[in-house]
């Protein structure tokens, strides 16, 4: 018998294959379902729009999908659409260890949906012989009980195509790279709270560079504006409090499987204080294993990656 030291090393234990991301997209007609599917396709997902639910087992059996993220849109355009059956299928798939399943539910205010249908002159799928408003009401009644079960509700009321791309990329992209996507954004309270924000902090108590004639036309991306805000006597203590909170929350969110987080800082104009704080917190988040995106809502064209990207 050969000595133990002469025996070949034991092979490593087999590893389970990484679960395949699988995204269900549903919601109100006119809220951006088709656009969302285009974004998912750009991210590398195999996409199936207006998909018949009864064909789902056959789709899952396809070898061509092995290991490739997939997304299907199932909504009231489909014949015999059944939200109860959709919920059952999603629950069934969640119990399958081969997949990581997320559901995106797209919605928008009724006035916005009406405007979009007026502009495109398309018929609502539930209002062939009735008004668009009647179709929207019928669709809400049918789908909103399912909305409560969705993993992510995306309200596109105030969104441009770029906003929708940013949010969908954050959610679906995190499923592919297995890292939480964190968006740090600045905004102006004057133009409303960001609907997608998970954590919102009001920084209007800090010194306001807007009252300095030299700094008014600048933004929190510039060093002299940042230095002005830094000199507020409570700034350092406030930032330390935010950092302590995120030190506590981020690991818990990650353990719970949350793949996308938006942290928003708001001030009066959304160009000085909130921008300064957002930039500093984004730098702090670089110490975590997350993918970071910075979005300054009131500074057009300003959307960047940051540390950890």
Protein backbone atom coordinates (compact mmCIF):
# COMPACT_ATOMS: atom_id res chain seq x y z
CA UNK A 1 0.00 0.00 0.00
CA UNK A 2 1.45 3.33 -1.01
CA UNK A 3 2.28 5.80 1.75
CA UNK A 4 -0.32 8.49 2.25
CA UNK A 5 2.16 11.12 1.06
CA UNK A 6 2.49 9.34 -2.31
CA UNK A 7 -1.23 9.27 -3.05
CA UNK A 8 -2.49 11.72 -5.66
CA UNK A 9 -4.35 14.71 -4.24
CA UNK A 10 -8.09 14.31 -3.91
CA UNK A 11 -10.07 16.10 -6.63
CA UNK A 12 -11.86 19.23 -5.47
CA UNK A 13 -15.52 18.73 -4.61
CA UNK A 14 -17.87 19.48 -7.50
CA UNK A 15 -19.26 23.00 -7.49
CA UNK A 16 -22.86 23.76 -8.23
CA UNK A 17 -23.40 25.75 -11.42
CA UNK A 18 -24.13 29.41 -10.91
CA UNK A 19 -27.89 30.09 -11.04
CA UNK A 20 -29.06 31.64 -14.31
CA UNK A 21 -30.73 35.08 -14.03
CA UNK A 22 -34.35 34.99 -15.17
CA UNK A 23 -36.39 38.19 -15.27
CA UNK A 24 -40.15 38.48 -15.65
CA UNK A 25 -41.34 41.85 -16.97
CA UNK A 26 -44.97 42.86 -16.61
CA UNK A 27 -47.08 45.89 -15.72
CA UNK A 28 -49.31 48.51 -17.29
CA UNK A 29 -49.48 48.96 -21.04
CA UNK A 30 -47.70 52.16 -22.02
CA UNK A 31 -45.41 52.13 -18.97
CA UNK A 32 -42.35 51.04 -20.95
CA UNK A 33 -42.43 47.24 -21.11
CA UNK A 34 -41.16 46.99 -24.71
CA UNK A 35 -38.43 49.55 -24.06
CA UNK A 36 -37.36 47.59 -20.98
CA UNK A 37 -37.05 44.44 -23.08
CA UNK A 38 -34.81 46.31 -25.54
CA UNK A 39 -32.59 47.41 -22.65
CA UNK A 40 -32.38 43.85 -21.33
CA UNK A 41 -31.42 42.60 -24.78
CA UNK A 42 -28.63 45.19 -24.90
CA UNK A 43 -27.39 43.80 -21.57
CA UNK A 44 -27.07 40.33 -23.07
CA UNK A 45 -30.36 38.79 -22.00
CA UNK A 46 -32.26 36.45 -24.30
CA UNK A 47 -35.59 38.27 -24.48
CA UNK A 48 -39.08 37.01 -25.30
CA UNK A 49 -41.72 39.73 -25.61
CA UNK A 50 -45.47 39.12 -25.34
CA UNK A 51 -44.72 35.54 -24.35
CA UNK A 52 -47.48 32.89 -23.96
CA UNK A 53 -47.23 31.64 -20.39
CA UNK A 54 -48.17 28.06 -21.31
CA UNK A 55 -44.97 27.80 -23.37
CA UNK A 56 -42.72 28.55 -20.39
CA UNK A 57 -41.83 24.87 -19.64
CA UNK A 58 -40.75 24.34 -23.24
CA UNK A 59 -38.64 27.50 -23.13
CA UNK A 60 -36.86 26.44 -19.96
CA UNK A 61 -36.00 23.09 -21.54
CA UNK A 62 -34.06 24.72 -24.38
CA UNK A 63 -30.33 23.93 -24.28
CA UNK A 64 -29.59 27.24 -25.97
CA UNK A 65 -30.59 29.06 -22.76
CA UNK A 66 -28.20 27.10 -20.56
CA UNK A 67 -26.30 29.65 -18.48
CA UNK A 68 -27.58 32.64 -20.45
CA UNK A 69 -29.72 35.21 -18.64
CA UNK A 70 -33.25 35.39 -20.00
CA UNK A 71 -36.18 37.79 -19.73
CA UNK A 72 -39.81 37.35 -20.75
CA UNK A 73 -42.51 39.99 -20.94
CA UNK A 74 -45.95 38.71 -20.03
CA UNK A 75 -48.77 41.24 -19.85
CA UNK A 76 -52.33 41.87 -20.95
CA UNK A 77 -51.35 41.85 -24.64
CA UNK A 78 -51.03 38.05 -24.38
CA UNK A 79 -54.10 36.00 -25.23
CA UNK A 80 -55.79 34.54 -22.13
CA UNK A 81 -53.48 36.48 -19.83
CA UNK A 82 -53.88 35.17 -16.28
CA UNK A 83 -52.09 37.02 -13.46
CA UNK A 84 -52.86 34.21 -11.00
CA UNK A 85 -51.15 31.67 -13.24
CA UNK A 86 -48.25 34.09 -13.76
CA UNK A 87 -47.77 34.35 -10.01
CA UNK A 88 -47.84 30.57 -9.68
CA UNK A 89 -45.24 30.11 -12.44
CA UNK A 90 -42.93 32.69 -10.89
CA UNK A 91 -43.20 31.01 -7.48
CA UNK A 92 -42.51 27.64 -9.10
CA UNK A 93 -39.43 28.96 -10.87
CA UNK A 94 -38.13 30.60 -7.69
CA UNK A 95 -38.07 27.15 -6.09
CA UNK A 96 -35.77 25.93 -8.87
CA UNK A 97 -32.13 26.27 -7.77
CA UNK A 98 -31.06 26.63 -11.43
CA UNK A 99 -32.42 30.18 -11.60
CA UNK A 100 -32.23 33.54 -9.86
CA UNK A 101 -35.67 35.00 -10.48
CA UNK A 102 -36.65 38.68 -10.34
CA UNK A 103 -39.87 40.38 -11.39
CA UNK A 104 -40.06 43.92 -12.78
CA UNK A 105 -43.46 45.61 -12.62
CA UNK A 106 -43.71 48.80 -14.69
CA UNK A 107 -46.30 51.43 -13.90
CA UNK A 108 -47.02 55.14 -14.48
CA UNK A 109 -49.62 57.72 -13.55
CA UNK A 110 -52.87 57.50 -15.51
CA UNK A 111 -52.48 60.98 -17.00
CA UNK A 112 -49.06 60.02 -18.40
CA UNK A 113 -50.36 56.74 -19.83
CA UNK A 114 -53.23 58.60 -21.52
CA UNK A 115 -50.78 61.11 -23.00
CA UNK A 116 -48.53 58.32 -24.33
CA UNK A 117 -51.47 56.56 -26.00
CA UNK A 118 -52.65 59.83 -27.51
CA UNK A 119 -49.20 60.50 -28.96
CA UNK A 120 -48.79 57.00 -30.43
CA UNK A 121 -52.45 56.59 -31.46
CA UNK A 122 -52.32 52.94 -30.46
CA UNK A 123 -55.26 51.05 -29.01
CA UNK A 124 -55.14 49.84 -25.44
CA UNK A 125 -55.19 46.00 -25.28
CA UNK A 126 -58.16 46.06 -22.86
CA UNK A 127 -60.06 48.86 -24.57
CA UNK A 128 -60.77 47.69 -28.11
CA UNK A 129 -64.32 49.05 -28.04
CA UNK A 130 -63.96 51.46 -25.13
CA UNK A 131 -61.94 54.51 -24.14
CA UNK A 132 -58.27 54.27 -23.23
CA UNK A 133 -59.17 55.42 -19.70
CA UNK A 134 -61.53 52.44 -19.36
CA UNK A 135 -58.76 50.13 -20.55
CA UNK A 136 -56.30 51.52 -18.02
CA UNK A 137 -58.82 51.11 -15.21
CA UNK A 138 -59.53 47.50 -16.21
CA UNK A 139 -55.80 46.74 -16.43
CA UNK A 140 -55.11 48.22 -13.00
CA UNK A 141 -57.86 46.09 -11.49
CA UNK A 142 -56.38 43.00 -13.12
CA UNK A 143 -52.71 43.63 -12.38
CA UNK A 144 -52.38 45.64 -9.19
CA UNK A 145 -52.90 42.65 -6.85
CA UNK A 146 -49.87 41.13 -8.62
CA UNK A 147 -47.93 44.39 -8.23
CA UNK A 148 -47.62 43.72 -4.51
CA UNK A 149 -45.76 40.50 -5.30
CA UNK A 150 -43.26 42.07 -7.69
CA UNK A 151 -39.62 42.27 -6.68
CA UNK A 152 -39.13 45.70 -8.28
CA UNK A 153 -41.78 48.28 -9.08
CA UNK A 154 -40.52 50.84 -11.60
CA UNK A 155 -42.64 53.98 -11.89
CA UNK A 156 -41.82 55.57 -15.24
CA UNK A 157 -44.10 58.61 -14.84
CA UNK A 158 -41.25 61.13 -14.85
CA UNK A 159 -38.70 59.00 -16.70
CA UNK A 160 -36.86 59.70 -19.88
CA UNK A 161 -35.51 56.74 -21.85
CA UNK A 162 -32.15 57.41 -20.19
CA UNK A 163 -33.68 57.21 -16.69
CA UNK A 164 -35.37 53.91 -17.52
CA UNK A 165 -32.14 52.50 -18.94
CA UNK A 166 -30.25 53.50 -15.80
CA UNK A 167 -32.72 51.81 -13.45
CA UNK A 168 -33.21 48.63 -15.52
CA UNK A 169 -29.46 48.32 -16.03
CA UNK A 170 -28.96 48.66 -12.29
CA UNK A 171 -31.44 45.92 -11.44
CA UNK A 172 -30.76 43.45 -14.25
CA UNK A 173 -27.05 44.14 -14.52
CA UNK A 174 -26.55 43.23 -10.87
CA UNK A 175 -28.05 39.79 -11.53
CA UNK A 176 -25.40 39.13 -14.17
CA UNK A 177 -22.34 40.33 -12.26
CA UNK A 178 -23.58 39.11 -8.84
CA UNK A 179 -22.72 42.45 -7.25
CA UNK A 180 -25.11 44.94 -5.78
CA UNK A 181 -25.55 47.98 -8.01
CA UNK A 182 -25.72 51.20 -5.99
CA UNK A 183 -26.82 54.51 -7.50
CA UNK A 184 -25.98 57.64 -5.54
CA UNK A 185 -27.99 60.57 -6.81
CA UNK A 186 -28.52 64.25 -6.12
CA UNK A 187 -31.82 66.02 -6.73
CA UNK A 188 -33.78 69.21 -6.12
CA UNK A 189 -36.80 69.15 -3.84
CA UNK A 190 -38.21 71.85 -6.09
CA UNK A 191 -38.76 69.24 -8.81
CA UNK A 192 -39.97 66.43 -6.59
CA UNK A 193 -38.63 63.34 -4.86
CA UNK A 194 -37.01 60.68 -7.09
CA UNK A 195 -39.51 57.84 -7.29
CA UNK A 196 -36.84 55.15 -7.48
CA UNK A 197 -35.00 56.18 -4.30
CA UNK A 198 -34.68 53.62 -1.49
CA UNK A 199 -32.95 55.98 0.98
CA UNK A 200 -33.55 59.75 0.88
CA UNK A 201 -31.60 62.34 2.88
CA UNK A 202 -32.40 66.05 3.09
CA UNK A 203 -29.22 68.18 3.10
CA UNK A 204 -30.90 71.59 2.97
CA UNK A 205 -29.59 72.30 6.50
CA UNK A 206 -26.02 72.71 5.17
CA UNK A 207 -24.43 76.01 4.11
CA UNK A 208 -25.83 77.05 0.75
CA UNK A 209 -23.27 78.10 -1.91
CA UNK A 210 -26.10 79.62 -3.91
CA UNK A 211 -25.88 82.76 -1.76
CA UNK A 212 -22.26 83.30 -2.78
CA UNK A 213 -22.19 85.27 -6.08
CA UNK A 214 -18.95 83.59 -7.13
CA UNK A 215 -20.21 80.03 -6.47
CA UNK A 216 -23.84 80.37 -7.61
CA UNK A 217 -23.21 79.42 -11.25
CA UNK A 218 -20.95 76.49 -10.31
CA UNK A 219 -21.87 73.01 -9.10
CA UNK A 220 -20.86 70.62 -6.35
CA UNK A 221 -18.53 68.93 -8.82
CA UNK A 222 -16.13 71.87 -8.44
CA UNK A 223 -13.63 72.00 -5.62
CA UNK A 224 -14.36 75.52 -4.33
CA UNK A 225 -18.07 74.68 -3.98
CA UNK A 226 -17.20 71.49 -2.12
CA UNK A 227 -14.86 73.36 0.22
CA UNK A 228 -17.63 75.85 0.99
CA UNK A 229 -19.97 73.02 2.01
CA UNK A 230 -17.23 71.15 3.91
CA UNK A 231 -16.75 74.21 6.15
CA UNK A 232 -20.24 73.84 7.62
CA UNK A 233 -19.70 73.08 11.32
CA UNK A 234 -21.93 69.98 11.28
CA UNK A 235 -20.84 68.60 7.90
CA UNK A 236 -18.21 66.16 9.17
CA UNK A 237 -20.54 64.81 11.84
CA UNK A 238 -23.37 64.40 9.33
CA UNK A 239 -21.17 62.52 6.83
CA UNK A 240 -19.87 60.25 9.60
CA UNK A 241 -23.46 59.44 10.57
CA UNK A 242 -24.35 58.52 6.96
CA UNK A 243 -21.23 56.36 6.67
CA UNK A 244 -22.05 54.54 9.93
CA UNK A 245 -25.58 53.91 8.69
CA UNK A 246 -24.37 52.50 5.37
CA UNK A 247 -21.77 50.35 7.17
CA UNK A 248 -24.72 48.77 8.95
CA UNK A 249 -27.20 48.59 6.07
CA UNK A 250 -25.21 47.52 3.01
CA UNK A 251 -24.06 44.12 4.35
CA UNK A 252 -27.62 43.42 5.51
CA UNK A 253 -29.07 44.36 2.12
CA UNK A 254 -26.52 42.12 0.40
CA UNK A 255 -27.32 39.21 2.71
CA UNK A 256 -31.01 39.64 1.88
CA UNK A 257 -30.21 39.36 -1.83
CA UNK A 258 -31.02 42.98 -2.70
CA UNK A 259 -29.33 43.65 -6.03
CA UNK A 260 -30.09 47.35 -6.58
CA UNK A 261 -30.06 50.29 -4.18
CA UNK A 262 -30.60 54.00 -4.82
CA UNK A 263 -29.40 56.53 -2.23
CA UNK A 264 -30.63 60.07 -2.88
CA UNK A 265 -29.53 63.39 -1.40
CA UNK A 266 -31.73 66.42 -1.94
CA UNK A 267 -31.28 70.16 -1.54
CA UNK A 268 -33.14 73.22 -2.81
CA UNK A 269 -31.66 73.51 -6.30
CA UNK A 270 -29.99 70.10 -6.62
CA UNK A 271 -26.71 71.57 -7.89
CA UNK A 272 -24.50 72.38 -4.89
CA UNK A 273 -25.00 70.71 -1.49
CA UNK A 274 -26.65 67.50 -2.66
CA UNK A 275 -24.03 67.07 -5.39
CA UNK A 276 -21.18 67.58 -2.93
CA UNK A 277 -22.56 65.02 -0.48
CA UNK A 278 -23.35 62.50 -3.24
CA UNK A 279 -19.80 62.67 -4.56
CA UNK A 280 -18.29 62.09 -1.11
CA UNK A 281 -20.61 59.20 -0.26
CA UNK A 282 -19.89 57.56 -3.62
CA UNK A 283 -16.19 57.66 -2.76
CA UNK A 284 -16.91 56.09 0.62
CA UNK A 285 -18.88 53.26 -0.99
CA UNK A 286 -15.79 52.33 -2.99
CA UNK A 287 -14.66 50.25 -0.01
CA UNK A 288 -17.60 47.86 -0.51
CA UNK A 289 -17.88 45.14 -3.14
CA UNK A 290 -20.56 47.00 -5.08
CA UNK A 291 -20.87 48.61 -8.50
CA UNK A 292 -21.43 52.34 -8.11
CA UNK A 293 -23.14 54.82 -10.39
CA UNK A 294 -23.52 58.55 -9.71
CA UNK A 295 -26.50 60.42 -11.12
CA UNK A 296 -26.95 64.18 -10.69
CA UNK A 297 -30.53 64.63 -11.78
CA UNK A 298 -30.49 68.41 -12.10
CA UNK A 299 -27.14 68.58 -13.91
CA UNK A 300 -27.92 67.34 -17.39
CA UNK A 301 -25.48 64.91 -18.93
CA UNK A 302 -23.86 64.08 -15.60
CA UNK A 303 -23.96 60.32 -15.08
CA UNK A 304 -20.77 58.54 -14.15
CA UNK A 305 -19.32 55.45 -12.60
CA UNK A 306 -17.33 55.66 -9.39
CA UNK A 307 -15.09 53.63 -7.13
CA UNK A 308 -15.94 49.96 -7.18
CA UNK A 309 -17.24 50.09 -10.75
